[in-house]
Amino acid sequence: MYINLMKDDPIIADVRKAREDISKRFGGDMDKIYAYYKQEEQKLGKKVKFIRQQKKSTSSSKQ
């Protein structure tokens, strides 16, 4: 059973809000968003990790 423990986490909410704001800033254009993050990497001298969201499985593997 999947339980979303981070649903009410304020830090996660802040991260999601920042991600949404950045997406709106660039009109959802992934090329512009990617370029923005690459520029931020250079400023910070650190790599930005892109993590894909996992899709929830619709079928149960346990029977």
PDB file of N, CA and C in Angstrom:
ATOM      1  N   MET A   1       0.844  -1.180   0.000  1.00  0.00           N
ATOM      2  CA  MET A   1       0.000   0.000   0.000  1.00  0.00           C
ATOM      3  C   MET A   1       0.891   1.246   0.000  1.00  0.00           C
ATOM      4  N   TYR A   2       0.573   2.191  -0.833  1.00  0.00           N
ATOM      5  CA  TYR A   2       1.332   3.439  -0.944  1.00  0.00           C
ATOM      6  C   TYR A   2       0.724   4.483  -0.026  1.00  0.00           C
ATOM      7  N   ILE A   3       1.551   5.043   0.827  1.00  0.00           N
ATOM      8  CA  ILE A   3       1.098   6.108   1.716  1.00  0.00           C
ATOM      9  C   ILE A   3       1.957   7.334   1.432  1.00  0.00           C
ATOM     10  N   ASN A   4       1.330   8.428   1.107  1.00  0.00           N
ATOM     11  CA  ASN A   4       2.063   9.654   0.814  1.00  0.00           C
ATOM     12  C   ASN A   4       2.333  10.403   2.117  1.00  0.00           C
ATOM     13  N   LEU A   5       3.512  10.162   2.702  1.00  0.00           N
ATOM     14  CA  LEU A   5       3.853  10.789   3.971  1.00  0.00           C
ATOM     15  C   LEU A   5       4.305  12.231   3.808  1.00  0.00           C
ATOM     16  N   MET A   6       4.679  12.621   2.589  1.00  0.00           N
ATOM     17  CA  MET A   6       5.178  13.977   2.364  1.00  0.00           C
ATOM     18  C   MET A   6       4.070  14.943   1.963  1.00  0.00           C
ATOM     19  N   LYS A   7       2.854  14.482   1.902  1.00  0.00           N
ATOM     20  CA  LYS A   7       1.735  15.299   1.454  1.00  0.00           C
ATOM     21  C   LYS A   7       1.613  16.606   2.243  1.00  0.00           C
ATOM     22  N   ASP A   8       1.813  16.540   3.539  1.00  0.00           N
ATOM     23  CA  ASP A   8       1.624  17.713   4.388  1.00  0.00           C
ATOM     24  C   ASP A   8       2.938  18.321   4.870  1.00  0.00           C
ATOM     25  N   ASP A   9       4.054  17.908   4.289  1.00  0.00           N
ATOM     26  CA  ASP A   9       5.363  18.406   4.704  1.00  0.00           C
ATOM     27  C   ASP A   9       5.556  19.822   4.161  1.00  0.00           C
ATOM     28  N   PRO A  10       5.791  20.813   5.031  1.00  0.00           N
ATOM     29  CA  PRO A  10       5.921  22.201   4.567  1.00  0.00           C
ATOM     30  C   PRO A  10       7.137  22.426   3.666  1.00  0.00           C
ATOM     31  N   ILE A  11       8.206  21.687   3.875  1.00  0.00           N
ATOM     32  CA  ILE A  11       9.391  21.837   3.022  1.00  0.00           C
ATOM     33  C   ILE A  11       9.081  21.346   1.616  1.00  0.00           C
ATOM     34  N   ILE A  12       8.407  20.210   1.518  1.00  0.00           N
ATOM     35  CA  ILE A  12       8.010  19.676   0.212  1.00  0.00           C
ATOM     36  C   ILE A  12       7.065  20.651  -0.471  1.00  0.00           C
ATOM     37  N   ALA A  13       6.151  21.235   0.288  1.00  0.00           N
ATOM     38  CA  ALA A  13       5.217  22.219  -0.276  1.00  0.00           C
ATOM     39  C   ALA A  13       5.979  23.420  -0.836  1.00  0.00           C
ATOM     40  N   ASP A  14       7.017  23.868  -0.125  1.00  0.00           N
ATOM     41  CA  ASP A  14       7.830  24.995  -0.603  1.00  0.00           C
ATOM     42  C   ASP A  14       8.562  24.648  -1.894  1.00  0.00           C
ATOM     43  N   VAL A  15       9.104  23.443  -1.960  1.00  0.00           N
ATOM     44  CA  VAL A  15       9.817  23.001  -3.168  1.00  0.00           C
ATOM     45  C   VAL A  15       8.858  22.938  -4.349  1.00  0.00           C
ATOM     46  N   ARG A  16       7.682  22.381  -4.120  1.00  0.00           N
ATOM     47  CA  ARG A  16       6.686  22.289  -5.197  1.00  0.00           C
ATOM     48  C   ARG A  16       6.245  23.676  -5.656  1.00  0.00           C
ATOM     49  N   LYS A  17       6.092  24.605  -4.720  1.00  0.00           N
ATOM     50  CA  LYS A  17       5.701  25.980  -5.060  1.00  0.00           C
ATOM     51  C   LYS A  17       6.791  26.650  -5.890  1.00  0.00           C
ATOM     52  N   ALA A  18       8.054  26.461  -5.499  1.00  0.00           N
ATOM     53  CA  ALA A  18       9.168  27.048  -6.252  1.00  0.00           C
ATOM     54  C   ALA A  18       9.210  26.478  -7.664  1.00  0.00           C
ATOM     55  N   ARG A  19       9.012  25.173  -7.781  1.00  0.00           N
ATOM     56  CA  ARG A  19       9.013  24.529  -9.101  1.00  0.00           C
ATOM     57  C   ARG A  19       7.877  25.075  -9.965  1.00  0.00           C
ATOM     58  N   GLU A  20       6.711  25.245  -9.371  1.00  0.00           N
ATOM     59  CA  GLU A  20       5.559  25.793 -10.096  1.00  0.00           C
ATOM     60  C   GLU A  20       5.824  27.234 -10.536  1.00  0.00           C
ATOM     61  N   ASP A  21       6.418  28.034  -9.656  1.00  0.00           N
ATOM     62  CA  ASP A  21       6.729  29.434  -9.979  1.00  0.00           C
ATOM     63  C   ASP A  21       7.721  29.529 -11.136  1.00  0.00           C
ATOM     64  N   ILE A  22       8.740  28.676 -11.115  1.00  0.00           N
ATOM     65  CA  ILE A  22       9.736  28.677 -12.194  1.00  0.00           C
ATOM     66  C   ILE A  22       9.087  28.261 -13.506  1.00  0.00           C
ATOM     67  N   SER A  23       8.228  27.263 -13.444  1.00  0.00           N
ATOM     68  CA  SER A  23       7.530  26.817 -14.652  1.00  0.00           C
ATOM     69  C   SER A  23       6.672  27.943 -15.231  1.00  0.00           C
ATOM     70  N   LYS A  24       5.946  28.646 -14.378  1.00  0.00           N
ATOM     71  CA  LYS A  24       5.111  29.769 -14.834  1.00  0.00           C
ATOM     72  C   LYS A  24       5.971  30.888 -15.414  1.00  0.00           C
ATOM     73  N   ARG A  25       7.106  31.140 -14.779  1.00  0.00           N
ATOM     74  CA  ARG A  25       8.011  32.206 -15.225  1.00  0.00           C
ATOM     75  C   ARG A  25       8.447  32.011 -16.669  1.00  0.00           C
ATOM     76  N   PHE A  26       8.602  30.751 -17.073  1.00  0.00           N
ATOM     77  CA  PHE A  26       9.047  30.444 -18.430  1.00  0.00           C
ATOM     78  C   PHE A  26       7.925  29.866 -19.291  1.00  0.00           C
ATOM     79  N   GLY A  27       6.692  30.072 -18.865  1.00  0.00           N
ATOM     80  CA  GLY A  27       5.545  29.631 -19.642  1.00  0.00           C
ATOM     81  C   GLY A  27       5.506  28.130 -19.882  1.00  0.00           C
ATOM     82  N   GLY A  28       6.118  27.377 -18.976  1.00  0.00           N
ATOM     83  CA  GLY A  28       6.122  25.922 -19.111  1.00  0.00           C
ATOM     84  C   GLY A  28       7.050  25.410 -20.202  1.00  0.00           C
ATOM     85  N   ASP A  29       7.815  26.297 -20.821  1.00  0.00           N
ATOM     86  CA  ASP A  29       8.731  25.910 -21.905  1.00  0.00           C
ATOM     87  C   ASP A  29       9.933  25.176 -21.302  1.00  0.00           C
ATOM     88  N   MET A  30      10.002  23.864 -21.530  1.00  0.00           N
ATOM     89  CA  MET A  30      11.040  23.043 -20.916  1.00  0.00           C
ATOM     90  C   MET A  30      12.445  23.427 -21.365  1.00  0.00           C
ATOM     91  N   ASP A  31      12.601  23.889 -22.588  1.00  0.00           N
ATOM     92  CA  ASP A  31      13.925  24.322 -23.048  1.00  0.00           C
ATOM     93  C   ASP A  31      14.403  25.539 -22.251  1.00  0.00           C
ATOM     94  N   LYS A  32      13.488  26.473 -21.999  1.00  0.00           N
ATOM     95  CA  LYS A  32      13.837  27.666 -21.219  1.00  0.00           C
ATOM     96  C   LYS A  32      14.095  27.311 -19.754  1.00  0.00           C
ATOM     97  N   ILE A  33      13.295  26.401 -19.222  1.00  0.00           N
ATOM     98  CA  ILE A  33      13.484  25.963 -17.835  1.00  0.00           C
ATOM     99  C   ILE A  33      14.833  25.267 -17.688  1.00  0.00           C
ATOM    100  N   TYR A  34      15.155  24.407 -18.634  1.00  0.00           N
ATOM    101  CA  TYR A  34      16.434  23.693 -18.615  1.00  0.00           C
ATOM    102  C   TYR A  34      17.597  24.684 -18.678  1.00  0.00           C
ATOM    103  N   ALA A  35      17.500  25.664 -19.574  1.00  0.00           N
ATOM    104  CA  ALA A  35      18.555  26.675 -19.708  1.00  0.00           C
ATOM    105  C   ALA A  35      18.712  27.458 -18.401  1.00  0.00           C
ATOM    106  N   TYR A  36      17.594  27.764 -17.761  1.00  0.00           N
ATOM    107  CA  TYR A  36      17.631  28.471 -16.478  1.00  0.00           C
ATOM    108  C   TYR A  36      18.391  27.662 -15.434  1.00  0.00           C
ATOM    109  N   TYR A  37      18.075  26.368 -15.336  1.00  0.00           N
ATOM    110  CA  TYR A  37      18.755  25.524 -14.352  1.00  0.00           C
ATOM    111  C   TYR A  37      20.239  25.356 -14.677  1.00  0.00           C
ATOM    112  N   LYS A  38      20.580  25.278 -15.947  1.00  0.00           N
ATOM    113  CA  LYS A  38      21.993  25.174 -16.329  1.00  0.00           C
ATOM    114  C   LYS A  38      22.736  26.450 -15.919  1.00  0.00           C
ATOM    115  N   GLN A  39      22.088  27.603 -16.090  1.00  0.00           N
ATOM    116  CA  GLN A  39      22.685  28.875 -15.688  1.00  0.00           C
ATOM    117  C   GLN A  39      22.867  28.918 -14.160  1.00  0.00           C
ATOM    118  N   GLU A  40      21.874  28.423 -13.429  1.00  0.00           N
ATOM    119  CA  GLU A  40      21.967  28.384 -11.967  1.00  0.00           C
ATOM    120  C   GLU A  40      23.095  27.456 -11.522  1.00  0.00           C
ATOM    121  N   GLU A  41      23.275  26.345 -12.228  1.00  0.00           N
ATOM    122  CA  GLU A  41      24.387  25.439 -11.922  1.00  0.00           C
ATOM    123  C   GLU A  41      25.717  26.174 -11.998  1.00  0.00           C
ATOM    124  N   GLN A  42      25.880  26.949 -13.051  1.00  0.00           N
ATOM    125  CA  GLN A  42      27.135  27.683 -13.234  1.00  0.00           C
ATOM    126  C   GLN A  42      27.339  28.706 -12.117  1.00  0.00           C
ATOM    127  N   LYS A  43      26.272  29.405 -11.734  1.00  0.00           N
ATOM    128  CA  LYS A  43      26.371  30.389 -10.656  1.00  0.00           C
ATOM    129  C   LYS A  43      26.763  29.733  -9.332  1.00  0.00           C
ATOM    130  N   LEU A  44      26.132  28.588  -9.056  1.00  0.00           N
ATOM    131  CA  LEU A  44      26.350  27.908  -7.780  1.00  0.00           C
ATOM    132  C   LEU A  44      27.593  27.030  -7.770  1.00  0.00           C
ATOM    133  N   GLY A  45      28.048  26.651  -8.958  1.00  0.00           N
ATOM    134  CA  GLY A  45      29.169  25.729  -9.040  1.00  0.00           C
ATOM    135  C   GLY A  45      28.785  24.322  -8.634  1.00  0.00           C
ATOM    136  N   LYS A  46      27.490  24.011  -8.724  1.00  0.00           N
ATOM    137  CA  LYS A  46      26.976  22.686  -8.360  1.00  0.00           C
ATOM    138  C   LYS A  46      26.029  22.206  -9.444  1.00  0.00           C
ATOM    139  N   LYS A  47      25.894  20.892  -9.542  1.00  0.00           N
ATOM    140  CA  LYS A  47      24.966  20.295 -10.498  1.00  0.00           C
ATOM    141  C   LYS A  47      23.556  20.294  -9.910  1.00  0.00           C
ATOM    142  N   VAL A  48      22.573  20.562 -10.762  1.00  0.00           N
ATOM    143  CA  VAL A  48      21.173  20.477 -10.377  1.00  0.00           C
ATOM    144  C   VAL A  48      20.678  19.104 -10.796  1.00  0.00           C
ATOM    145  N   LYS A  49      20.015  18.404  -9.884  1.00  0.00           N
ATOM    146  CA  LYS A  49      19.491  17.076 -10.208  1.00  0.00           C
ATOM    147  C   LYS A  49      18.068  17.201 -10.720  1.00  0.00           C
ATOM    148  N   PHE A  50      17.809  16.500 -11.790  1.00  0.00           N
ATOM    149  CA  PHE A  50      16.457  16.419 -12.328  1.00  0.00           C
ATOM    150  C   PHE A  50      15.920  15.046 -11.968  1.00  0.00           C
ATOM    151  N   ILE A  51      14.858  15.012 -11.211  1.00  0.00           N
ATOM    152  CA  ILE A  51      14.276  13.750 -10.766  1.00  0.00           C
ATOM    153  C   ILE A  51      12.899  13.620 -11.389  1.00  0.00           C
ATOM    154  N   ARG A  52      12.714  12.535 -12.092  1.00  0.00           N
ATOM    155  CA  ARG A  52      11.403  12.292 -12.701  1.00  0.00           C
ATOM    156  C   ARG A  52      10.445  11.773 -11.649  1.00  0.00           C
ATOM    157  N   GLN A  53       9.211  12.221 -11.736  1.00  0.00           N
ATOM    158  CA  GLN A  53       8.196  11.718 -10.825  1.00  0.00           C
ATOM    159  C   GLN A  53       7.809  10.325 -11.265  1.00  0.00           C
ATOM    160  N   GLN A  54       7.651   9.436 -10.292  1.00  0.00           N
ATOM    161  CA  GLN A  54       7.230   8.082 -10.608  1.00  0.00           C
ATOM    162  C   GLN A  54       5.722   8.062 -10.755  1.00  0.00           C
ATOM    163  N   LYS A  55       5.277   7.337 -11.768  1.00  0.00           N
ATOM    164  CA  LYS A  55       3.838   7.181 -11.955  1.00  0.00           C
ATOM    165  C   LYS A  55       3.346   6.089 -11.022  1.00  0.00           C
ATOM    166  N   LYS A  56       2.178   6.305 -10.464  1.00  0.00           N
ATOM    167  CA  LYS A  56       1.587   5.300  -9.587  1.00  0.00           C
ATOM    168  C   LYS A  56       1.134   4.115 -10.427  1.00  0.00           C
ATOM    169  N   SER A  57       1.404   2.944  -9.929  1.00  0.00           N
ATOM    170  CA  SER A  57       1.001   1.722 -10.618  1.00  0.00           C
ATOM    171  C   SER A  57      -0.496   1.525 -10.450  1.00  0.00           C
ATOM    172  N   THR A  58      -1.153   1.120 -11.532  1.00  0.00           N
ATOM    173  CA  THR A  58      -2.594   0.890 -11.460  1.00  0.00           C
ATOM    174  C   THR A  58      -2.917  -0.556 -11.135  1.00  0.00           C
ATOM    175  N   SER A  59      -1.915  -1.427 -11.242  1.00  0.00           N
ATOM    176  CA  SER A  59      -2.155  -2.829 -10.920  1.00  0.00           C
ATOM    177  C   SER A  59      -1.309  -3.222  -9.727  1.00  0.00           C
ATOM    178  N   SER A  60      -1.815  -4.120  -8.945  1.00  0.00           N
ATOM    179  CA  SER A  60      -1.111  -4.575  -7.754  1.00  0.00           C
ATOM    180  C   SER A  60      -0.271  -5.791  -8.087  1.00  0.00           C
ATOM    181  N   SER A  61       0.989  -5.792  -7.652  1.00  0.00           N
ATOM    182  CA  SER A  61       1.856  -6.936  -7.917  1.00  0.00           C
ATOM    183  C   SER A  61       1.672  -8.012  -6.861  1.00  0.00           C
ATOM    184  N   LYS A  62       1.017  -7.662  -5.754  1.00  0.00           N
ATOM    185  CA  LYS A  62       0.762  -8.649  -4.701  1.00  0.00           C
ATOM    186  C   LYS A  62      -0.612  -9.259  -4.905  1.00  0.00           C
ATOM    187  N   GLN A  63      -0.650 -10.558  -4.862  1.00  0.00           N
ATOM    188  CA  GLN A  63      -1.947 -11.241  -4.987  1.00  0.00           C
ATOM    189  C   GLN A  63      -2.029 -12.360  -4.004  1.00  0.00           C
TER     190      GLN A  63
END
